[in-house]
Amino acid sequence: MSTELVLSAATLLGIAALVPCLMVLTAVFGPRSGGTVKNEAYESGIGPTIGAADQKFSVKFYLLAILFLIFDIEAVFMYPWAVAVRELGWFGFAEMVTFMLLLVTGLIYILQKGVLNWR
């Protein structure tokens, strides 16, 4: 075995042993504060006493999240293209124009349907 392999295995074993030890030390020596208010569920500024657990949300929230993901993925595809635009040449440029036209067509369709109107 090479020395690098032995060294990396020893490092991984050391980390694997150190993490549980640190967790136990934190649990034993760490500060404790508790109570009914401290242990109550709290998420995104909404306490558990407001609203029912089976409260229905508008579909517009989910639709807006999906639209955000679609147009965010667009940026993920455009960054590598922008880096390699010279190597791709005119074919790469034509492919990106086609991609952008598809996205603009989708955006126009979304705007015509009134999806982003919150009334």
C-alpha atoms as a PDB file:
ATOM      1  CA  MET A   1       0.000   0.000   0.000  1.00  0.00           C
ATOM      2  CA  SER A   2       1.119   3.486  -0.710  1.00  0.00           C
ATOM      3  CA  THR A   3       1.713   5.967   2.071  1.00  0.00           C
ATOM      4  CA  GLU A   4      -0.921   8.339   0.652  1.00  0.00           C
ATOM      5  CA  LEU A   5      -3.570   5.634   0.907  1.00  0.00           C
ATOM      6  CA  VAL A   6      -2.617   4.822   4.497  1.00  0.00           C
ATOM      7  CA  LEU A   7      -2.560   8.507   5.407  1.00  0.00           C
ATOM      8  CA  SER A   8      -5.971   9.176   3.842  1.00  0.00           C
ATOM      9  CA  ALA A   9      -7.486   6.102   5.536  1.00  0.00           C
ATOM     10  CA  ALA A  10      -6.097   7.198   8.898  1.00  0.00           C
ATOM     11  CA  THR A  11      -7.449  10.713   8.359  1.00  0.00           C
ATOM     12  CA  LEU A  12     -10.910   9.406   7.498  1.00  0.00           C
ATOM     13  CA  LEU A  13     -10.930   7.113  10.515  1.00  0.00           C
ATOM     14  CA  GLY A  14      -9.790   9.985  12.724  1.00  0.00           C
ATOM     15  CA  ILE A  15     -12.587  12.212  11.463  1.00  0.00           C
ATOM     16  CA  ALA A  16     -15.095   9.378  11.827  1.00  0.00           C
ATOM     17  CA  ALA A  17     -14.041   8.987  15.463  1.00  0.00           C
ATOM     18  CA  LEU A  18     -13.755  12.709  16.197  1.00  0.00           C
ATOM     19  CA  VAL A  19     -17.243  13.747  15.040  1.00  0.00           C
ATOM     20  CA  PRO A  20     -19.201  11.468  17.422  1.00  0.00           C
ATOM     21  CA  CYS A  21     -16.867  12.401  20.282  1.00  0.00           C
ATOM     22  CA  LEU A  22     -17.496  16.102  19.673  1.00  0.00           C
ATOM     23  CA  MET A  23     -21.247  15.498  19.556  1.00  0.00           C
ATOM     24  CA  VAL A  24     -21.164  13.664  22.881  1.00  0.00           C
ATOM     25  CA  LEU A  25     -19.003  16.385  24.456  1.00  0.00           C
ATOM     26  CA  THR A  26     -21.416  19.048  23.234  1.00  0.00           C
ATOM     27  CA  ALA A  27     -24.385  17.168  24.667  1.00  0.00           C
ATOM     28  CA  VAL A  28     -22.654  16.681  28.030  1.00  0.00           C
ATOM     29  CA  PHE A  29     -21.024  20.079  28.530  1.00  0.00           C
ATOM     30  CA  GLY A  30     -23.237  22.322  26.386  1.00  0.00           C
ATOM     31  CA  PRO A  31     -25.690  24.827  27.832  1.00  0.00           C
ATOM     32  CA  ARG A  32     -29.234  23.675  28.420  1.00  0.00           C
ATOM     33  CA  SER A  33     -32.253  25.878  28.112  1.00  0.00           C
ATOM     34  CA  GLY A  34     -35.676  24.477  27.669  1.00  0.00           C
ATOM     35  CA  GLY A  35     -39.289  24.900  28.485  1.00  0.00           C
ATOM     36  CA  THR A  36     -42.626  24.835  26.771  1.00  0.00           C
ATOM     37  CA  VAL A  37     -42.011  28.002  24.745  1.00  0.00           C
ATOM     38  CA  LYS A  38     -38.473  26.979  23.789  1.00  0.00           C
ATOM     39  CA  ASN A  39     -39.541  23.528  22.571  1.00  0.00           C
ATOM     40  CA  GLU A  40     -42.527  24.786  20.586  1.00  0.00           C
ATOM     41  CA  ALA A  41     -42.421  24.354  16.812  1.00  0.00           C
ATOM     42  CA  TYR A  42     -41.659  27.563  14.920  1.00  0.00           C
ATOM     43  CA  GLU A  43     -41.201  27.846  11.187  1.00  0.00           C
ATOM     44  CA  SER A  44     -40.925  30.838   8.877  1.00  0.00           C
ATOM     45  CA  GLY A  45     -42.367  33.300  11.344  1.00  0.00           C
ATOM     46  CA  ILE A  46     -45.612  31.405  11.767  1.00  0.00           C
ATOM     47  CA  GLY A  47     -46.274  29.992  15.193  1.00  0.00           C
ATOM     48  CA  PRO A  48     -48.218  26.761  15.609  1.00  0.00           C
ATOM     49  CA  THR A  49     -51.231  28.557  17.096  1.00  0.00           C
ATOM     50  CA  ILE A  50     -52.041  30.379  13.833  1.00  0.00           C
ATOM     51  CA  GLY A  51     -54.135  28.425  11.336  1.00  0.00           C
ATOM     52  CA  ALA A  52     -55.060  24.795  11.058  1.00  0.00           C
ATOM     53  CA  ALA A  53     -52.657  21.996  10.250  1.00  0.00           C
ATOM     54  CA  ASP A  54     -54.618  21.067   7.139  1.00  0.00           C
ATOM     55  CA  GLN A  55     -54.783  24.623   5.821  1.00  0.00           C
ATOM     56  CA  LYS A  56     -54.927  24.802   2.024  1.00  0.00           C
ATOM     57  CA  PHE A  57     -52.538  27.047   0.131  1.00  0.00           C
ATOM     58  CA  SER A  58     -53.276  28.662  -3.173  1.00  0.00           C
ATOM     59  CA  VAL A  59     -51.953  26.876  -6.239  1.00  0.00           C
ATOM     60  CA  LYS A  60     -50.386  30.168  -7.314  1.00  0.00           C
ATOM     61  CA  PHE A  61     -47.597  29.709  -4.749  1.00  0.00           C
ATOM     62  CA  TYR A  62     -46.633  26.351  -6.211  1.00  0.00           C
ATOM     63  CA  LEU A  63     -46.976  27.635  -9.754  1.00  0.00           C
ATOM     64  CA  LEU A  64     -44.727  30.584  -8.990  1.00  0.00           C
ATOM     65  CA  ALA A  65     -42.132  28.244  -7.475  1.00  0.00           C
ATOM     66  CA  ILE A  66     -42.173  26.037 -10.570  1.00  0.00           C
ATOM     67  CA  LEU A  67     -41.829  29.074 -12.834  1.00  0.00           C
ATOM     68  CA  PHE A  68     -38.924  30.309 -10.754  1.00  0.00           C
ATOM     69  CA  LEU A  69     -37.200  26.940 -11.120  1.00  0.00           C
ATOM     70  CA  ILE A  70     -37.733  26.889 -14.871  1.00  0.00           C
ATOM     71  CA  PHE A  71     -36.262  30.336 -15.393  1.00  0.00           C
ATOM     72  CA  ASP A  72     -33.507  29.678 -12.858  1.00  0.00           C
ATOM     73  CA  ILE A  73     -32.418  26.580 -14.751  1.00  0.00           C
ATOM     74  CA  GLU A  74     -32.143  28.822 -17.786  1.00  0.00           C
ATOM     75  CA  ALA A  75     -29.302  30.684 -16.091  1.00  0.00           C
ATOM     76  CA  VAL A  76     -27.587  27.391 -15.252  1.00  0.00           C
ATOM     77  CA  PHE A  77     -27.519  26.523 -18.959  1.00  0.00           C
ATOM     78  CA  MET A  78     -26.440  29.980 -20.046  1.00  0.00           C
ATOM     79  CA  TYR A  79     -23.315  30.322 -17.866  1.00  0.00           C
ATOM     80  CA  PRO A  80     -21.375  27.425 -19.439  1.00  0.00           C
ATOM     81  CA  TRP A  81     -22.504  28.564 -22.874  1.00  0.00           C
ATOM     82  CA  ALA A  82     -21.183  32.074 -22.175  1.00  0.00           C
ATOM     83  CA  VAL A  83     -17.821  30.635 -21.159  1.00  0.00           C
ATOM     84  CA  ALA A  84     -17.496  28.440 -24.245  1.00  0.00           C
ATOM     85  CA  VAL A  85     -19.239  30.638 -26.830  1.00  0.00           C
ATOM     86  CA  ARG A  86     -16.104  31.133 -28.933  1.00  0.00           C
ATOM     87  CA  GLU A  87     -15.344  27.420 -29.118  1.00  0.00           C
ATOM     88  CA  LEU A  88     -18.950  26.566 -30.029  1.00  0.00           C
ATOM     89  CA  GLY A  89     -19.058  28.965 -32.960  1.00  0.00           C
ATOM     90  CA  TRP A  90     -22.186  29.800 -34.907  1.00  0.00           C
ATOM     91  CA  PHE A  91     -23.805  26.432 -34.235  1.00  0.00           C
ATOM     92  CA  GLY A  92     -23.630  27.036 -30.469  1.00  0.00           C
ATOM     93  CA  PHE A  93     -24.983  30.537 -30.977  1.00  0.00           C
ATOM     94  CA  ALA A  94     -27.923  29.215 -33.018  1.00  0.00           C
ATOM     95  CA  GLU A  95     -28.670  26.599 -30.365  1.00  0.00           C
ATOM     96  CA  MET A  96     -28.745  29.247 -27.625  1.00  0.00           C
ATOM     97  CA  VAL A  97     -30.978  31.513 -29.723  1.00  0.00           C
ATOM     98  CA  THR A  98     -33.363  28.573 -30.181  1.00  0.00           C
ATOM     99  CA  PHE A  99     -33.284  27.885 -26.435  1.00  0.00           C
ATOM    100  CA  MET A 100     -33.953  31.533 -25.613  1.00  0.00           C
ATOM    101  CA  LEU A 101     -36.805  31.723 -28.145  1.00  0.00           C
ATOM    102  CA  LEU A 102     -38.443  28.708 -26.499  1.00  0.00           C
ATOM    103  CA  LEU A 103     -38.150  30.354 -23.102  1.00  0.00           C
ATOM    104  CA  VAL A 104     -39.470  33.695 -24.343  1.00  0.00           C
ATOM    105  CA  THR A 105     -42.378  31.875 -25.987  1.00  0.00           C
ATOM    106  CA  GLY A 106     -43.141  30.224 -22.665  1.00  0.00           C
ATOM    107  CA  LEU A 107     -42.926  33.549 -20.853  1.00  0.00           C
ATOM    108  CA  ILE A 108     -45.287  35.190 -23.334  1.00  0.00           C
ATOM    109  CA  TYR A 109     -47.731  32.304 -22.888  1.00  0.00           C
ATOM    110  CA  ILE A 110     -47.536  32.664 -19.097  1.00  0.00           C
ATOM    111  CA  LEU A 111     -48.158  36.396 -19.295  1.00  0.00           C
ATOM    112  CA  GLN A 112     -51.104  35.953 -21.686  1.00  0.00           C
ATOM    113  CA  LYS A 113     -52.730  33.413 -19.376  1.00  0.00           C
ATOM    114  CA  GLY A 114     -52.387  35.852 -16.475  1.00  0.00           C
ATOM    115  CA  VAL A 115     -50.509  33.436 -14.261  1.00  0.00           C
ATOM    116  CA  LEU A 116     -48.493  36.191 -12.603  1.00  0.00           C
ATOM    117  CA  ASN A 117     -51.564  38.299 -11.776  1.00  0.00           C
ATOM    118  CA  TRP A 118     -52.298  37.936  -8.049  1.00  0.00           C
ATOM    119  CA  ARG A 119     -55.893  39.188  -8.057  1.00  0.00           C
END
